[in-house]
Amino acid sequence: MTPRRLYGLVRWYLRELTGETAYERYLERHRRAHPGAPALPRREFERQRTDRGDEHPGARCC
């Protein structure tokens, strides 16, 4: 495996782990489900995501 490929895999894994890709996935789903409708700005998306996490903690420790 080349260093470049390894870097790409590590970067992908860390982005998935930290939830950084959640907004990108939201935009893709939004484009398919609501073509032409404006999507939430990233700040609003993150605010709603945080609020949902606070309301439904699930398996979180805190």
N, C-alpha and C. Protein backbone atom coordinates (compact mmCIF):
# COMPACT_ATOMS: atom_id res chain seq x y z
N MET A 1 0.85 -1.17 0.00
CA MET A 1 0.00 0.00 0.00
C MET A 1 0.90 1.24 0.00
N THR A 2 0.56 2.17 -0.86
CA THR A 2 1.38 3.38 -0.96
C THR A 2 1.06 4.33 0.20
N PRO A 3 2.01 5.20 0.54
CA PRO A 3 1.74 6.17 1.60
C PRO A 3 0.53 7.07 1.28
N ARG A 4 0.37 7.40 0.02
CA ARG A 4 -0.76 8.24 -0.36
C ARG A 4 -2.09 7.52 -0.11
N ARG A 5 -2.14 6.25 -0.47
CA ARG A 5 -3.35 5.45 -0.25
C ARG A 5 -3.62 5.29 1.24
N LEU A 6 -2.58 5.04 2.02
CA LEU A 6 -2.72 4.90 3.46
C LEU A 6 -3.24 6.21 4.07
N TYR A 7 -2.68 7.33 3.64
CA TYR A 7 -3.14 8.63 4.12
C TYR A 7 -4.63 8.83 3.81
N GLY A 8 -5.04 8.47 2.61
CA GLY A 8 -6.44 8.60 2.22
C GLY A 8 -7.37 7.76 3.09
N LEU A 9 -6.96 6.55 3.39
CA LEU A 9 -7.77 5.67 4.24
C LEU A 9 -7.87 6.20 5.66
N VAL A 10 -6.74 6.66 6.19
CA VAL A 10 -6.75 7.22 7.55
C VAL A 10 -7.62 8.47 7.60
N ARG A 11 -7.49 9.32 6.59
CA ARG A 11 -8.29 10.55 6.54
C ARG A 11 -9.78 10.21 6.47
N TRP A 12 -10.14 9.26 5.61
CA TRP A 12 -11.54 8.84 5.50
C TRP A 12 -12.05 8.33 6.84
N TYR A 13 -11.28 7.47 7.48
CA TYR A 13 -11.69 6.88 8.75
C TYR A 13 -11.90 7.96 9.81
N LEU A 14 -10.98 8.89 9.92
CA LEU A 14 -11.11 9.94 10.93
C LEU A 14 -12.30 10.85 10.65
N ARG A 15 -12.56 11.16 9.39
CA ARG A 15 -13.72 11.99 9.05
C ARG A 15 -15.02 11.27 9.40
N GLU A 16 -15.07 9.97 9.15
CA GLU A 16 -16.27 9.20 9.52
C GLU A 16 -16.41 9.12 11.03
N LEU A 17 -15.33 8.89 11.71
CA LEU A 17 -15.33 8.75 13.16
C LEU A 17 -15.79 10.02 13.85
N THR A 18 -15.36 11.16 13.37
CA THR A 18 -15.71 12.44 14.00
C THR A 18 -17.05 12.99 13.54
N GLY A 19 -17.67 12.40 12.54
CA GLY A 19 -18.96 12.87 12.05
C GLY A 19 -18.85 14.00 11.05
N GLU A 20 -17.66 14.28 10.59
CA GLU A 20 -17.46 15.37 9.64
C GLU A 20 -18.18 15.14 8.32
N THR A 21 -18.42 13.91 7.95
CA THR A 21 -19.07 13.61 6.68
C THR A 21 -20.60 13.66 6.77
N ALA A 22 -21.14 13.86 7.95
CA ALA A 22 -22.59 13.87 8.12
C ALA A 22 -23.25 14.95 7.27
N TYR A 23 -22.66 16.14 7.21
CA TYR A 23 -23.23 17.22 6.42
C TYR A 23 -23.20 16.89 4.93
N GLU A 24 -22.13 16.30 4.47
CA GLU A 24 -22.03 15.91 3.06
C GLU A 24 -23.11 14.88 2.71
N ARG A 25 -23.32 13.91 3.60
CA ARG A 25 -24.37 12.91 3.36
C ARG A 25 -25.75 13.57 3.38
N TYR A 26 -25.96 14.52 4.30
CA TYR A 26 -27.23 15.25 4.35
C TYR A 26 -27.47 15.98 3.04
N LEU A 27 -26.47 16.68 2.51
CA LEU A 27 -26.63 17.43 1.26
C LEU A 27 -27.01 16.50 0.11
N GLU A 28 -26.36 15.35 0.05
CA GLU A 28 -26.66 14.40 -1.03
C GLU A 28 -28.09 13.89 -0.91
N ARG A 29 -28.52 13.51 0.28
CA ARG A 29 -29.91 13.04 0.47
C ARG A 29 -30.89 14.16 0.16
N HIS A 30 -30.58 15.37 0.60
CA HIS A 30 -31.47 16.51 0.37
C HIS A 30 -31.63 16.79 -1.13
N ARG A 31 -30.54 16.74 -1.87
CA ARG A 31 -30.60 16.97 -3.33
C ARG A 31 -31.50 15.94 -4.01
N ARG A 32 -31.42 14.69 -3.57
CA ARG A 32 -32.24 13.64 -4.18
C ARG A 32 -33.71 13.76 -3.79
N ALA A 33 -33.98 14.05 -2.52
CA ALA A 33 -35.35 14.09 -2.02
C ALA A 33 -36.06 15.40 -2.33
N HIS A 34 -35.32 16.50 -2.38
CA HIS A 34 -35.92 17.82 -2.55
C HIS A 34 -35.16 18.64 -3.60
N PRO A 35 -35.18 18.19 -4.84
CA PRO A 35 -34.42 18.93 -5.87
C PRO A 35 -34.92 20.37 -5.99
N GLY A 36 -33.98 21.28 -6.04
CA GLY A 36 -34.32 22.69 -6.19
C GLY A 36 -34.60 23.42 -4.89
N ALA A 37 -34.85 22.70 -3.81
CA ALA A 37 -35.12 23.34 -2.52
C ALA A 37 -33.79 23.65 -1.82
N PRO A 38 -33.72 24.78 -1.15
CA PRO A 38 -32.47 25.12 -0.47
C PRO A 38 -32.21 24.19 0.73
N ALA A 39 -30.98 23.82 0.89
CA ALA A 39 -30.58 22.97 2.02
C ALA A 39 -30.23 23.86 3.21
N LEU A 40 -30.21 23.26 4.38
CA LEU A 40 -29.80 24.00 5.58
C LEU A 40 -28.33 24.40 5.46
N PRO A 41 -28.00 25.58 5.94
CA PRO A 41 -26.57 25.91 6.02
C PRO A 41 -25.90 24.97 7.03
N ARG A 42 -24.61 24.80 6.89
CA ARG A 42 -23.90 23.86 7.76
C ARG A 42 -24.10 24.17 9.24
N ARG A 43 -24.05 25.43 9.61
CA ARG A 43 -24.20 25.82 11.02
C ARG A 43 -25.56 25.37 11.57
N GLU A 44 -26.63 25.59 10.81
CA GLU A 44 -27.96 25.17 11.25
C GLU A 44 -28.06 23.65 11.31
N PHE A 45 -27.50 22.98 10.31
CA PHE A 45 -27.49 21.52 10.32
C PHE A 45 -26.80 20.99 11.57
N GLU A 46 -25.64 21.53 11.90
CA GLU A 46 -24.90 21.07 13.07
C GLU A 46 -25.66 21.38 14.36
N ARG A 47 -26.33 22.54 14.41
CA ARG A 47 -27.12 22.88 15.59
C ARG A 47 -28.24 21.87 15.79
N GLN A 48 -28.96 21.54 14.72
CA GLN A 48 -30.04 20.56 14.82
C GLN A 48 -29.50 19.18 15.17
N ARG A 49 -28.38 18.83 14.61
CA ARG A 49 -27.76 17.53 14.89
C ARG A 49 -27.38 17.43 16.37
N THR A 50 -26.82 18.49 16.91
CA THR A 50 -26.45 18.52 18.32
C THR A 50 -27.69 18.44 19.20
N ASP A 51 -28.73 19.19 18.84
CA ASP A 51 -29.98 19.16 19.62
C ASP A 51 -30.59 17.76 19.63
N ARG A 52 -30.59 17.09 18.46
CA ARG A 52 -31.12 15.72 18.40
C ARG A 52 -30.31 14.80 19.30
N GLY A 53 -29.00 14.97 19.30
CA GLY A 53 -28.15 14.14 20.15
C GLY A 53 -28.41 14.37 21.62
N ASP A 54 -28.71 15.61 21.99
CA ASP A 54 -29.01 15.92 23.39
C ASP A 54 -30.36 15.36 23.81
N GLU A 55 -31.33 15.38 22.90
CA GLU A 55 -32.67 14.87 23.21
C GLU A 55 -32.71 13.35 23.25
N HIS A 56 -31.89 12.71 22.43
CA HIS A 56 -31.88 11.25 22.33
C HIS A 56 -30.44 10.75 22.47
N PRO A 57 -29.93 10.69 23.69
CA PRO A 57 -28.51 10.37 23.87
C PRO A 57 -28.13 8.94 23.46
N GLY A 58 -29.02 8.00 23.47
CA GLY A 58 -28.70 6.65 23.03
C GLY A 58 -27.56 6.04 23.83
N ALA A 59 -26.50 5.65 23.15
CA ALA A 59 -25.42 4.94 23.81
C ALA A 59 -24.29 5.87 24.30
N ARG A 60 -24.52 7.17 24.23
CA ARG A 60 -23.47 8.08 24.69
C ARG A 60 -23.27 7.94 26.19
N CYS A 61 -22.09 8.24 26.63
CA CYS A 61 -21.79 8.08 28.04
C CYS A 61 -22.21 9.31 28.85
N CYS A 62 -22.32 10.48 28.23
CA CYS A 62 -22.58 11.71 28.99
C CYS A 62 -23.84 12.41 28.51
